[in-house]
N, C-alpha and C. Protein backbone atom coordinates (compact mmCIF):
# COMPACT_ATOMS: atom_id res chain seq x y z
N MET A 1 132.25 114.47 159.81
CA MET A 1 131.86 115.98 160.33
C MET A 1 132.88 116.84 159.46
N ARG A 2 132.46 117.74 158.66
CA ARG A 2 133.62 118.72 157.90
C ARG A 2 133.90 119.80 159.01
N ASP A 3 135.18 120.09 158.63
CA ASP A 3 135.80 121.32 159.58
C ASP A 3 135.04 122.59 159.14
N THR A 4 134.45 123.41 160.17
CA THR A 4 133.80 124.39 160.00
C THR A 4 134.45 125.61 160.16
N HIS A 5 135.77 125.57 160.29
CA HIS A 5 136.65 126.76 160.73
C HIS A 5 136.59 127.76 159.47
N ARG A 6 136.46 128.92 159.69
CA ARG A 6 136.60 130.10 158.88
C ARG A 6 135.42 129.96 157.79
N ARG A 7 134.47 129.21 157.87
CA ARG A 7 133.43 128.96 156.88
C ARG A 7 132.03 129.54 157.55
N ARG A 8 131.28 130.39 156.87
CA ARG A 8 129.93 130.73 157.37
C ARG A 8 128.89 129.78 156.88
N PHE A 9 129.08 129.11 155.74
CA PHE A 9 128.25 127.93 155.23
C PHE A 9 128.99 126.83 154.92
N ASP A 10 128.22 125.66 155.33
CA ASP A 10 128.89 124.27 155.27
C ASP A 10 128.24 123.90 153.86
N LEU A 11 127.06 124.15 153.65
CA LEU A 11 126.29 123.63 152.37
C LEU A 11 125.98 124.71 151.48
N ILE A 12 126.36 124.71 150.21
CA ILE A 12 125.98 125.69 149.17
C ILE A 12 125.20 125.01 148.08
N ALA A 13 123.73 125.37 148.04
CA ALA A 13 123.07 124.80 147.04
C ALA A 13 122.87 125.69 145.82
N PHE A 14 123.20 125.22 144.67
CA PHE A 14 122.99 126.05 143.34
C PHE A 14 121.83 125.58 142.60
N ASP A 15 120.99 126.44 141.95
CA ASP A 15 120.05 126.31 141.08
C ASP A 15 121.04 125.87 139.76
N TRP A 16 120.32 125.29 138.81
CA TRP A 16 121.18 124.82 137.52
C TRP A 16 120.95 125.84 136.51
N ASP A 17 119.88 125.84 135.92
CA ASP A 17 119.65 126.63 134.57
C ASP A 17 119.74 128.04 134.89
N GLY A 18 120.61 128.90 134.19
CA GLY A 18 120.57 130.28 134.27
C GLY A 18 121.44 130.76 135.31
N THR A 19 121.88 129.78 136.31
CA THR A 19 122.93 130.01 137.38
C THR A 19 124.34 129.37 137.17
N LEU A 20 124.32 128.07 136.97
CA LEU A 20 125.57 127.46 136.51
C LEU A 20 125.62 127.31 134.92
N PHE A 21 124.54 126.94 134.31
CA PHE A 21 124.36 126.50 132.98
C PHE A 21 123.71 127.63 132.26
N ASP A 22 124.23 127.97 131.04
CA ASP A 22 123.88 129.26 130.38
C ASP A 22 122.71 128.83 129.26
N SER A 23 121.65 128.33 129.92
CA SER A 23 120.60 127.79 129.18
C SER A 23 119.42 128.56 129.06
N THR A 24 119.21 129.73 129.75
CA THR A 24 118.11 130.47 129.59
C THR A 24 117.33 130.73 128.25
N GLY A 25 118.39 131.17 127.38
CA GLY A 25 117.74 131.48 125.99
C GLY A 25 117.18 130.31 125.45
N LEU A 26 117.75 129.12 125.49
CA LEU A 26 117.19 128.03 124.73
C LEU A 26 116.10 127.48 125.46
N ILE A 27 115.90 127.58 126.74
CA ILE A 27 114.68 127.16 127.49
C ILE A 27 113.44 127.82 126.84
N VAL A 28 113.75 129.26 126.70
CA VAL A 28 112.76 130.07 126.38
C VAL A 28 112.28 129.87 124.96
N ARG A 29 113.22 129.77 123.99
CA ARG A 29 112.83 129.39 122.66
C ARG A 29 112.07 127.97 122.51
N CYS A 30 112.44 127.04 123.22
CA CYS A 30 111.92 125.77 123.20
C CYS A 30 110.32 125.81 123.81
N ILE A 31 110.08 126.58 124.82
CA ILE A 31 108.77 126.71 125.18
C ILE A 31 107.88 127.49 124.25
N GLN A 32 108.35 128.40 123.54
CA GLN A 32 107.82 129.16 122.42
C GLN A 32 107.61 128.27 121.34
N ALA A 33 108.30 127.53 120.76
CA ALA A 33 108.36 126.51 119.68
C ALA A 33 107.35 125.48 120.17
N ALA A 34 107.16 125.04 121.22
CA ALA A 34 106.30 124.03 121.51
C ALA A 34 104.85 124.52 121.65
N CYS A 35 104.51 125.67 121.95
CA CYS A 35 103.41 126.29 121.75
C CYS A 35 102.87 126.58 120.42
N ARG A 36 103.99 127.00 119.63
CA ARG A 36 103.63 127.25 118.13
C ARG A 36 103.11 125.72 117.59
N ASP A 37 103.83 124.72 117.88
CA ASP A 37 103.59 123.39 117.50
C ASP A 37 102.13 123.08 117.48
N LEU A 38 101.58 123.36 118.78
CA LEU A 38 100.28 123.04 119.07
C LEU A 38 99.22 124.07 118.82
N GLY A 39 99.74 125.30 118.15
CA GLY A 39 98.80 126.14 117.86
C GLY A 39 98.22 127.13 119.19
N LEU A 40 99.17 127.16 120.07
CA LEU A 40 98.44 127.86 121.42
C LEU A 40 99.29 129.20 121.44
N PRO A 41 98.66 130.05 122.05
CA PRO A 41 99.20 131.50 122.37
C PRO A 41 100.80 131.28 122.73
N VAL A 42 101.58 132.10 122.10
CA VAL A 42 102.94 132.05 122.34
C VAL A 42 103.29 132.92 123.38
N PRO A 43 103.88 132.53 124.38
CA PRO A 43 104.29 133.57 125.53
C PRO A 43 105.58 134.28 124.97
N ASP A 44 105.65 135.75 125.49
CA ASP A 44 106.67 136.53 125.06
C ASP A 44 108.02 136.15 125.88
N ASP A 45 109.20 136.64 125.63
CA ASP A 45 110.41 136.11 126.29
C ASP A 45 110.14 136.47 127.72
N THR A 46 109.79 137.44 128.27
CA THR A 46 109.55 137.61 129.62
C THR A 46 108.74 136.55 130.24
N GLN A 47 107.67 136.41 129.67
CA GLN A 47 106.68 135.33 130.29
C GLN A 47 107.25 133.94 130.32
N ALA A 48 107.99 133.56 129.16
CA ALA A 48 108.62 132.16 129.13
C ALA A 48 109.70 132.12 130.13
N ALA A 49 110.51 133.33 130.15
CA ALA A 49 111.60 133.14 131.08
C ALA A 49 111.15 133.18 132.67
N TYR A 50 110.07 133.65 132.97
CA TYR A 50 109.57 133.50 134.31
C TYR A 50 109.40 132.32 134.86
N VAL A 51 109.08 131.37 134.09
CA VAL A 51 108.67 130.10 134.61
C VAL A 51 109.86 129.18 134.68
N ILE A 52 111.10 129.56 134.39
CA ILE A 52 112.30 128.85 134.37
C ILE A 52 112.78 128.52 135.92
N GLY A 53 113.24 127.34 136.10
CA GLY A 53 113.11 127.03 137.64
C GLY A 53 112.02 126.12 138.29
N LEU A 54 110.82 126.16 137.74
CA LEU A 54 109.81 125.58 138.11
C LEU A 54 109.89 124.22 137.67
N GLY A 55 109.11 123.17 138.16
CA GLY A 55 108.97 121.85 137.49
C GLY A 55 108.32 122.05 136.20
N LEU A 56 108.54 121.13 135.32
CA LEU A 56 108.00 121.37 133.91
C LEU A 56 106.51 121.59 133.81
N MET A 57 105.69 120.71 134.41
CA MET A 57 104.35 120.97 134.42
C MET A 57 103.85 122.13 135.01
N ASP A 58 104.51 122.60 136.12
CA ASP A 58 104.06 123.93 136.73
C ASP A 58 104.62 125.04 135.81
N ALA A 59 105.72 124.85 135.02
CA ALA A 59 106.14 125.97 134.24
C ALA A 59 105.25 126.11 133.04
N LEU A 60 104.77 125.02 132.57
CA LEU A 60 103.83 125.14 131.42
C LEU A 60 102.45 125.48 131.76
N ARG A 61 102.12 125.28 132.82
CA ARG A 61 100.80 125.95 133.37
C ARG A 61 100.79 127.35 133.61
N HIS A 62 102.10 127.92 133.99
CA HIS A 62 102.29 129.33 134.09
C HIS A 62 102.50 129.92 132.71
N ALA A 63 103.13 129.50 131.77
CA ALA A 63 103.39 129.94 130.59
C ALA A 63 102.05 129.86 129.67
N VAL A 64 101.30 128.87 129.70
CA VAL A 64 100.09 128.77 129.07
C VAL A 64 98.86 128.56 129.82
N PRO A 65 98.44 129.67 130.50
CA PRO A 65 97.47 129.27 131.78
C PRO A 65 96.24 128.93 131.30
N ASP A 66 95.84 129.20 129.99
CA ASP A 66 94.42 128.61 129.53
C ASP A 66 94.50 127.29 129.01
N LEU A 67 95.72 126.60 129.02
CA LEU A 67 95.77 125.29 128.40
C LEU A 67 95.10 124.27 129.46
N PRO A 68 94.17 123.44 128.74
CA PRO A 68 93.44 122.40 129.68
C PRO A 68 94.47 121.43 130.26
N VAL A 69 94.27 120.99 131.47
CA VAL A 69 95.21 120.14 132.07
C VAL A 69 95.42 118.74 131.32
N ALA A 70 94.50 118.46 130.55
CA ALA A 70 94.67 117.07 129.84
C ALA A 70 95.63 117.29 128.77
N ARG A 71 95.98 118.60 128.39
CA ARG A 71 96.91 118.67 127.40
C ARG A 71 98.31 119.10 127.80
N TYR A 72 98.67 119.07 129.21
CA TYR A 72 99.84 119.37 129.68
C TYR A 72 100.91 118.50 129.09
N PRO A 73 100.64 117.12 129.06
CA PRO A 73 101.61 115.93 128.72
C PRO A 73 101.95 116.30 127.18
N GLU A 74 101.01 116.70 126.31
CA GLU A 74 101.30 116.87 125.06
C GLU A 74 102.29 118.04 124.71
N LEU A 75 102.00 119.22 125.54
CA LEU A 75 102.88 120.34 125.44
C LEU A 75 104.17 120.11 126.12
N GLY A 76 104.31 119.13 127.23
CA GLY A 76 105.58 118.79 127.75
C GLY A 76 106.31 117.96 126.65
N ARG A 77 105.70 117.10 125.95
CA ARG A 77 106.48 116.30 125.02
C ARG A 77 107.04 117.20 123.89
N ARG A 78 106.34 118.23 123.37
CA ARG A 78 106.76 119.06 122.36
C ARG A 78 108.11 119.88 122.79
N TYR A 79 107.93 120.31 124.25
CA TYR A 79 108.96 121.12 124.62
C TYR A 79 110.33 120.22 124.85
N ARG A 80 110.15 118.99 125.27
CA ARG A 80 111.38 118.11 125.39
C ARG A 80 111.87 117.84 124.01
N HIS A 81 110.93 117.72 123.09
CA HIS A 81 111.58 117.43 121.62
C HIS A 81 112.48 118.55 121.15
N HIS A 82 111.97 119.71 121.34
CA HIS A 82 112.83 120.81 120.96
C HIS A 82 114.23 120.96 121.82
N TYR A 83 113.99 120.75 123.08
CA TYR A 83 115.30 120.97 124.08
C TYR A 83 116.20 119.87 123.67
N MET A 84 115.76 118.55 123.67
CA MET A 84 116.76 117.63 123.40
C MET A 84 117.47 117.76 122.14
N ALA A 85 116.72 118.33 121.12
CA ALA A 85 117.37 118.47 119.72
C ALA A 85 118.57 119.44 119.84
N ARG A 86 118.57 120.47 120.73
CA ARG A 86 119.50 121.57 120.72
C ARG A 86 120.22 121.57 122.16
N GLN A 87 120.16 120.71 123.12
CA GLN A 87 120.80 120.75 124.27
C GLN A 87 122.34 120.79 124.35
N HIS A 88 122.75 120.15 123.11
CA HIS A 88 124.22 120.23 122.89
C HIS A 88 124.85 121.71 122.85
N GLU A 89 124.05 122.62 122.50
CA GLU A 89 124.41 124.13 122.35
C GLU A 89 124.91 124.73 123.71
N ILE A 90 124.22 124.14 124.79
CA ILE A 90 124.39 124.83 126.03
C ILE A 90 125.75 124.48 126.68
N VAL A 91 126.20 125.42 127.48
CA VAL A 91 127.74 125.34 128.03
C VAL A 91 127.48 125.90 129.57
N LEU A 92 128.47 125.62 130.28
CA LEU A 92 128.50 126.24 131.64
C LEU A 92 128.92 127.72 131.39
N PHE A 93 128.49 128.59 132.26
CA PHE A 93 128.93 129.86 132.41
C PHE A 93 130.49 129.90 132.50
N ASP A 94 131.25 130.87 131.86
CA ASP A 94 132.67 131.01 132.07
C ASP A 94 133.01 131.21 133.40
N GLY A 95 133.92 130.32 133.83
CA GLY A 95 134.44 130.42 135.37
C GLY A 95 133.71 129.59 136.33
N THR A 96 132.58 128.99 135.79
CA THR A 96 131.81 127.97 136.86
C THR A 96 132.69 126.89 137.41
N LEU A 97 133.35 126.24 136.43
CA LEU A 97 134.20 125.20 137.10
C LEU A 97 135.16 125.49 137.99
N ASP A 98 135.80 126.59 137.76
CA ASP A 98 136.86 127.22 138.68
C ASP A 98 136.25 127.52 139.98
N MET A 99 135.11 128.04 139.97
CA MET A 99 134.27 128.50 141.08
C MET A 99 134.10 127.22 142.12
N LEU A 100 133.40 126.14 141.26
CA LEU A 100 133.12 124.96 142.00
C LEU A 100 134.25 124.37 142.62
N ASN A 101 135.50 124.19 141.96
CA ASN A 101 136.60 123.46 142.36
C ASN A 101 137.11 124.21 143.64
N ALA A 102 136.95 125.61 143.66
CA ALA A 102 137.67 126.22 144.75
C ALA A 102 136.71 126.11 146.00
N LEU A 103 135.43 125.86 145.81
CA LEU A 103 134.59 125.52 146.87
C LEU A 103 134.72 124.23 147.32
N LYS A 104 134.93 123.34 146.62
CA LYS A 104 135.26 121.77 146.87
C LYS A 104 136.63 121.94 147.59
N ALA A 105 137.65 122.52 147.34
CA ALA A 105 138.97 122.72 147.99
C ALA A 105 138.83 123.25 149.38
N ARG A 106 137.86 124.07 149.65
CA ARG A 106 137.60 124.56 150.91
C ARG A 106 136.65 123.75 151.74
N HIS A 107 136.22 122.52 151.28
CA HIS A 107 135.48 121.48 151.88
C HIS A 107 134.03 122.02 152.32
N HIS A 108 133.33 122.80 151.33
CA HIS A 108 131.93 122.93 151.43
C HIS A 108 131.36 121.73 150.92
N TRP A 109 130.03 121.44 151.53
CA TRP A 109 129.22 120.42 150.61
C TRP A 109 128.51 121.36 149.51
N LEU A 110 128.50 120.68 148.28
CA LEU A 110 127.82 121.34 147.22
C LEU A 110 126.48 120.56 146.82
N ALA A 111 125.55 121.21 146.45
CA ALA A 111 124.46 120.38 146.01
C ALA A 111 123.68 121.14 144.81
N VAL A 112 122.76 120.68 144.15
CA VAL A 112 121.97 121.32 143.07
C VAL A 112 120.53 121.12 143.53
N ALA A 113 119.77 122.15 143.55
CA ALA A 113 118.31 122.17 143.69
C ALA A 113 117.67 122.80 142.41
N THR A 114 117.06 121.97 141.55
CA THR A 114 116.71 122.34 140.24
C THR A 114 115.24 122.08 139.95
N GLY A 115 114.65 122.63 139.03
CA GLY A 115 113.35 122.33 138.43
C GLY A 115 113.44 121.44 137.38
N LYS A 116 114.65 121.10 136.91
CA LYS A 116 114.86 120.14 135.87
C LYS A 116 114.45 118.57 136.33
N SER A 117 114.16 117.72 135.40
CA SER A 117 113.81 116.39 135.74
C SER A 117 115.07 115.60 136.11
N ARG A 118 115.01 114.55 136.63
CA ARG A 118 116.10 113.73 137.16
C ARG A 118 116.83 113.35 135.77
N PRO A 119 116.16 112.76 134.84
CA PRO A 119 117.08 112.35 133.52
C PRO A 119 117.91 113.55 132.78
N GLY A 120 117.11 114.68 133.01
CA GLY A 120 117.62 115.91 132.53
C GLY A 120 118.76 116.47 133.14
N LEU A 121 118.75 116.48 134.45
CA LEU A 121 119.84 117.01 135.34
C LEU A 121 121.22 115.92 135.11
N ASN A 122 120.88 114.62 135.21
CA ASN A 122 121.99 113.68 135.14
C ASN A 122 122.65 113.80 133.73
N GLU A 123 121.94 114.13 132.58
CA GLU A 123 122.47 114.23 131.12
C GLU A 123 123.24 115.36 131.37
N ALA A 124 122.81 116.45 132.00
CA ALA A 124 123.53 117.98 132.00
C ALA A 124 124.75 117.62 132.80
N LEU A 125 124.71 116.90 133.94
CA LEU A 125 125.78 116.73 134.84
C LEU A 125 127.01 116.05 134.04
N ASP A 126 126.65 114.96 133.33
CA ASP A 126 127.51 114.14 132.62
C ASP A 126 128.15 115.07 131.29
N SER A 127 127.49 115.79 130.73
CA SER A 127 127.82 116.53 129.53
C SER A 127 128.81 117.49 130.10
N ALA A 128 128.71 118.01 131.26
CA ALA A 128 129.41 119.00 131.92
C ALA A 128 130.55 118.51 132.70
N ARG A 129 130.58 117.14 132.63
CA ARG A 129 131.58 116.42 133.63
C ARG A 129 131.59 117.02 135.18
N LEU A 130 130.43 117.09 135.65
CA LEU A 130 130.34 117.59 137.03
C LEU A 130 129.72 116.65 137.86
N ARG A 131 129.17 115.52 137.54
CA ARG A 131 128.65 114.50 138.56
C ARG A 131 129.31 114.39 139.77
N GLU A 132 130.65 114.40 139.70
CA GLU A 132 131.45 113.95 140.98
C GLU A 132 131.70 115.29 141.83
N VAL A 133 131.38 116.54 141.35
CA VAL A 133 131.67 117.57 142.09
C VAL A 133 130.49 117.82 143.00
N PHE A 134 129.21 117.27 142.82
CA PHE A 134 128.21 117.69 143.76
C PHE A 134 127.97 116.59 144.71
N ASP A 135 127.82 116.81 146.07
CA ASP A 135 127.63 115.83 146.98
C ASP A 135 126.09 115.37 146.97
N SER A 136 125.21 116.21 146.58
CA SER A 136 123.84 115.60 146.42
C SER A 136 122.83 116.44 145.60
N THR A 137 121.96 116.01 144.83
CA THR A 137 121.17 116.80 144.01
C THR A 137 119.71 116.54 144.31
N ARG A 138 118.83 117.39 143.83
CA ARG A 138 117.39 117.26 144.00
C ARG A 138 116.72 118.11 142.80
N THR A 139 115.79 117.21 142.12
CA THR A 139 115.03 117.67 141.09
C THR A 139 113.45 117.60 141.27
N ALA A 140 112.86 118.37 140.49
CA ALA A 140 111.29 118.65 140.73
C ALA A 140 110.52 117.55 140.48
N ASP A 141 111.06 116.39 139.80
CA ASP A 141 109.99 115.28 139.65
C ASP A 141 110.31 114.22 140.72
N GLU A 142 111.12 114.45 141.44
CA GLU A 142 111.53 113.56 142.66
C GLU A 142 111.02 114.20 144.11
N THR A 143 110.78 115.60 143.99
CA THR A 143 110.25 116.06 145.35
C THR A 143 109.39 117.08 144.84
N ALA A 144 109.13 118.09 145.74
CA ALA A 144 108.29 119.24 145.47
C ALA A 144 109.00 120.40 144.72
N SER A 145 108.15 120.89 143.73
CA SER A 145 108.70 121.99 142.86
C SER A 145 108.98 123.14 143.67
N LYS A 146 109.93 123.99 143.36
CA LYS A 146 110.17 125.35 143.84
C LYS A 146 108.76 126.05 143.87
N PRO A 147 108.50 126.98 144.81
CA PRO A 147 109.38 127.39 145.96
C PRO A 147 109.00 126.54 147.31
N ASP A 148 108.49 125.45 147.13
CA ASP A 148 108.16 124.60 148.36
C ASP A 148 109.47 124.18 148.88
N PRO A 149 109.68 124.36 150.16
CA PRO A 149 111.14 124.25 150.71
C PRO A 149 111.48 122.61 150.84
N LEU A 150 110.61 121.77 150.47
CA LEU A 150 111.11 120.37 150.64
C LEU A 150 112.43 119.99 149.96
N MET A 151 112.71 120.55 148.76
CA MET A 151 114.00 120.25 148.05
C MET A 151 115.16 120.54 149.11
N LEU A 152 115.09 121.83 149.63
CA LEU A 152 116.25 122.22 150.40
C LEU A 152 116.29 121.34 151.97
N HIS A 153 115.11 121.25 152.40
CA HIS A 153 114.89 120.43 153.56
C HIS A 153 115.52 119.02 153.44
N GLU A 154 115.38 118.36 152.29
CA GLU A 154 115.88 117.19 152.06
C GLU A 154 117.38 117.18 151.91
N LEU A 155 117.88 118.09 151.20
CA LEU A 155 119.46 118.33 151.31
C LEU A 155 120.00 118.38 152.49
N MET A 156 119.52 119.36 153.27
CA MET A 156 120.04 119.50 154.56
C MET A 156 119.98 118.32 155.35
N ALA A 157 118.83 117.75 155.36
CA ALA A 157 118.77 116.50 156.10
C ALA A 157 119.81 115.33 155.81
N GLU A 158 119.86 115.23 154.50
CA GLU A 158 120.85 114.35 153.96
C GLU A 158 122.23 114.52 154.34
N LEU A 159 122.68 115.86 154.27
CA LEU A 159 124.12 116.21 154.54
C LEU A 159 124.28 116.63 155.92
N GLY A 160 123.17 116.70 156.81
CA GLY A 160 123.48 116.99 158.11
C GLY A 160 123.82 118.23 158.44
N VAL A 161 123.19 119.29 157.78
CA VAL A 161 123.59 120.73 157.77
C VAL A 161 122.38 121.55 158.39
N PRO A 162 122.41 122.42 159.24
CA PRO A 162 121.22 123.14 159.57
C PRO A 162 121.10 124.38 158.78
N PRO A 163 119.85 124.85 158.84
CA PRO A 163 119.47 126.01 157.75
C PRO A 163 120.30 127.20 158.11
N GLU A 164 120.97 127.61 159.09
CA GLU A 164 121.68 128.64 159.54
C GLU A 164 123.09 128.36 158.77
N ARG A 165 123.45 127.22 158.32
CA ARG A 165 124.71 127.02 157.69
C ARG A 165 124.56 126.53 156.37
N THR A 166 123.55 126.98 155.88
CA THR A 166 123.10 126.54 154.22
C THR A 166 122.95 127.95 153.56
N LEU A 167 123.32 127.91 152.43
CA LEU A 167 123.26 128.98 151.34
C LEU A 167 122.65 128.61 150.00
N MET A 168 121.76 129.22 149.59
CA MET A 168 121.04 129.03 148.32
C MET A 168 121.44 129.87 147.26
N VAL A 169 121.92 129.56 146.03
CA VAL A 169 122.33 130.42 145.09
C VAL A 169 121.45 130.33 143.76
N GLY A 170 120.83 131.35 143.29
CA GLY A 170 120.01 131.26 142.14
C GLY A 170 119.95 132.32 141.32
N ASP A 171 119.11 132.35 140.15
CA ASP A 171 118.83 133.49 139.18
C ASP A 171 117.35 133.85 139.16
N THR A 172 116.52 133.27 139.95
CA THR A 172 115.08 133.47 139.73
C THR A 172 114.43 133.74 141.36
N THR A 173 113.35 134.34 141.13
CA THR A 173 112.59 134.73 142.61
C THR A 173 112.11 133.28 143.02
N HIS A 174 111.84 132.30 142.24
CA HIS A 174 111.57 130.91 142.70
C HIS A 174 112.69 130.31 143.57
N ASP A 175 113.97 130.55 143.06
CA ASP A 175 115.15 130.28 144.03
C ASP A 175 115.20 130.85 145.46
N LEU A 176 114.97 132.30 145.26
CA LEU A 176 115.01 133.06 146.41
C LEU A 176 113.80 132.89 147.52
N GLN A 177 112.73 132.56 146.74
CA GLN A 177 111.49 132.33 147.49
C GLN A 177 111.70 130.83 148.39
N LEU A 178 112.26 129.85 147.50
CA LEU A 178 112.72 128.45 148.06
C LEU A 178 113.45 128.79 149.28
N ALA A 179 114.60 129.61 149.14
CA ALA A 179 115.48 129.89 150.36
C ALA A 179 114.70 130.50 151.54
N ALA A 180 113.95 131.44 151.33
CA ALA A 180 113.18 132.02 152.30
C ALA A 180 112.19 131.02 153.01
N ASN A 181 111.68 130.28 152.18
CA ASN A 181 110.66 129.27 152.75
C ASN A 181 111.35 128.19 153.66
N ALA A 182 112.64 127.94 153.29
CA ALA A 182 113.41 126.96 154.01
C ALA A 182 114.14 127.46 155.34
N GLY A 183 114.17 128.81 155.25
CA GLY A 183 114.82 129.53 156.22
C GLY A 183 116.41 129.50 156.12
N VAL A 184 116.90 129.62 154.88
CA VAL A 184 118.16 129.75 154.73
C VAL A 184 118.64 130.92 153.89
N ALA A 185 119.86 131.42 154.09
CA ALA A 185 120.42 132.66 153.32
C ALA A 185 120.30 132.36 151.81
N SER A 186 120.34 133.39 151.09
CA SER A 186 120.52 133.27 149.62
C SER A 186 121.44 134.23 148.98
N VAL A 187 121.79 134.00 147.89
CA VAL A 187 122.58 134.90 146.91
C VAL A 187 121.98 134.82 145.57
N ALA A 188 121.76 136.03 144.89
CA ALA A 188 121.24 135.96 143.50
C ALA A 188 122.21 136.25 142.52
N VAL A 189 121.90 135.80 141.40
CA VAL A 189 122.65 136.25 140.19
C VAL A 189 121.80 136.87 139.16
N SER A 190 122.31 138.00 138.29
CA SER A 190 121.55 138.66 137.46
C SER A 190 121.58 138.36 136.21
N TYR A 191 122.32 137.30 135.77
CA TYR A 191 122.61 136.91 134.57
C TYR A 191 121.67 135.81 134.00
N GLY A 192 120.69 135.39 134.76
CA GLY A 192 119.95 134.32 134.38
C GLY A 192 118.45 134.78 133.77
N ALA A 193 117.50 134.21 134.42
CA ALA A 193 116.04 134.23 133.74
C ALA A 193 115.29 135.65 134.24
N HIS A 194 115.54 135.99 135.64
CA HIS A 194 114.64 137.01 136.14
C HIS A 194 115.37 138.25 136.29
N ALA A 195 114.67 139.38 136.24
CA ALA A 195 115.05 140.68 136.41
C ALA A 195 115.45 140.95 137.81
N THR A 196 116.45 141.75 137.90
CA THR A 196 117.12 142.01 139.44
C THR A 196 116.08 142.87 140.32
N GLU A 197 115.15 143.57 139.79
CA GLU A 197 114.30 144.63 140.46
C GLU A 197 113.31 143.67 141.28
N ASN A 198 113.25 142.46 141.10
CA ASN A 198 112.14 141.48 141.56
C ASN A 198 112.89 140.76 142.97
N PHE A 199 114.25 141.05 143.21
CA PHE A 199 114.98 140.26 144.14
C PHE A 199 114.98 140.69 145.52
N GLY A 200 114.76 142.20 145.51
CA GLY A 200 115.03 142.94 146.91
C GLY A 200 113.99 142.48 147.93
N ARG A 201 112.80 141.98 147.68
CA ARG A 201 112.16 141.77 148.65
C ARG A 201 112.49 140.50 149.33
N PHE A 202 113.28 139.55 148.85
CA PHE A 202 113.75 138.27 149.36
C PHE A 202 115.10 138.54 150.13
N ALA A 203 115.50 139.79 150.21
CA ALA A 203 116.73 140.03 150.91
C ALA A 203 118.07 139.14 150.60
N PRO A 204 118.33 138.98 149.33
CA PRO A 204 119.61 138.21 149.13
C PRO A 204 120.68 138.90 149.90
N LEU A 205 121.84 138.04 150.18
CA LEU A 205 122.90 138.57 150.74
C LEU A 205 123.63 139.40 149.75
N PHE A 206 123.67 139.05 148.43
CA PHE A 206 124.30 139.64 147.39
C PHE A 206 123.74 139.28 146.08
N ILE A 207 123.93 140.32 145.21
CA ILE A 207 123.41 139.89 143.69
C ILE A 207 124.81 140.05 142.79
N ALA A 208 125.18 138.85 142.27
CA ALA A 208 126.16 138.78 141.46
C ALA A 208 125.94 139.03 139.96
N HIS A 209 126.62 139.87 139.16
CA HIS A 209 126.56 140.29 138.13
C HIS A 209 127.44 139.41 137.04
N SER A 210 128.17 138.55 137.54
CA SER A 210 128.98 137.55 136.69
C SER A 210 129.50 136.45 137.61
N THR A 211 129.82 135.35 137.02
CA THR A 211 130.32 134.17 137.61
C THR A 211 131.57 134.69 138.44
N ARG A 212 132.41 135.57 137.95
CA ARG A 212 133.63 136.03 138.54
C ARG A 212 133.19 136.72 139.92
N GLU A 213 132.08 137.57 139.83
CA GLU A 213 131.60 138.31 141.10
C GLU A 213 131.22 137.27 142.00
N LEU A 214 130.54 136.26 141.50
CA LEU A 214 129.89 135.24 142.63
C LEU A 214 131.09 134.32 143.23
N HIS A 215 132.02 134.06 142.37
CA HIS A 215 133.24 133.27 142.86
C HIS A 215 133.84 134.09 143.86
N ASP A 216 134.10 135.49 143.61
CA ASP A 216 134.75 136.42 144.61
C ASP A 216 134.11 136.61 145.80
N TRP A 217 132.69 136.73 145.82
CA TRP A 217 131.95 136.95 147.02
C TRP A 217 131.88 135.60 147.88
N LEU A 218 131.65 134.32 147.12
CA LEU A 218 131.71 133.29 147.98
C LEU A 218 133.07 132.97 148.66
N HIS A 219 134.12 133.37 147.90
CA HIS A 219 135.48 133.10 148.55
C HIS A 219 135.65 134.13 149.80
N ALA A 220 135.04 135.15 149.71
CA ALA A 220 135.27 136.15 150.81
C ALA A 220 134.26 136.16 152.05
N HIS A 221 133.03 135.50 151.71
CA HIS A 221 132.03 135.66 152.61
C HIS A 221 131.18 134.35 152.92
N ALA A 222 131.40 133.21 152.23
CA ALA A 222 130.85 131.97 152.49
C ALA A 222 131.53 131.03 153.25
């Protein structure tokens, strides 16, 4: 049992893409490139960014709604082709490692709840040297995709933390809806995939406009 003194939240779960990892632009471009490869309508930047955070097949269904289900795997393969070729370009947002280390020093449980696949997240964790920082992780291919609450329910059960002691941090309405569905508090970041005007209906405790703001808020209020 971890000491809960002076902490509001024992478990802090982070989304990955657009929250910790500066990957939104690349994901958008890869979705668009995959559609071009197959001669499909190419979603604009807003449409492509909206699906970030969902599981891959859910994301492609939203990005190209008229695509027959039988062609989802084909589009998924083209997306992965483009993403894998350029994923080395992606880096953590400045200040992310300092923020996570500060939270670990205060003995919070740290988790990732992401729409990435398990192989994709593992590779990203290894490249960022963050595998040992997180106490647990969940990906969309091994549990239900956001905004189904199962991802957070599993993390809370594994780490023995109730909803009132859990915080979800993310950059999309999918993350905030996930938190609401799981009965946990949320914090939003404005520098990821979704516009902040859509965040209000989910009542996040705070909207951070930089990793530094997020770090400072978590230090003072989490």
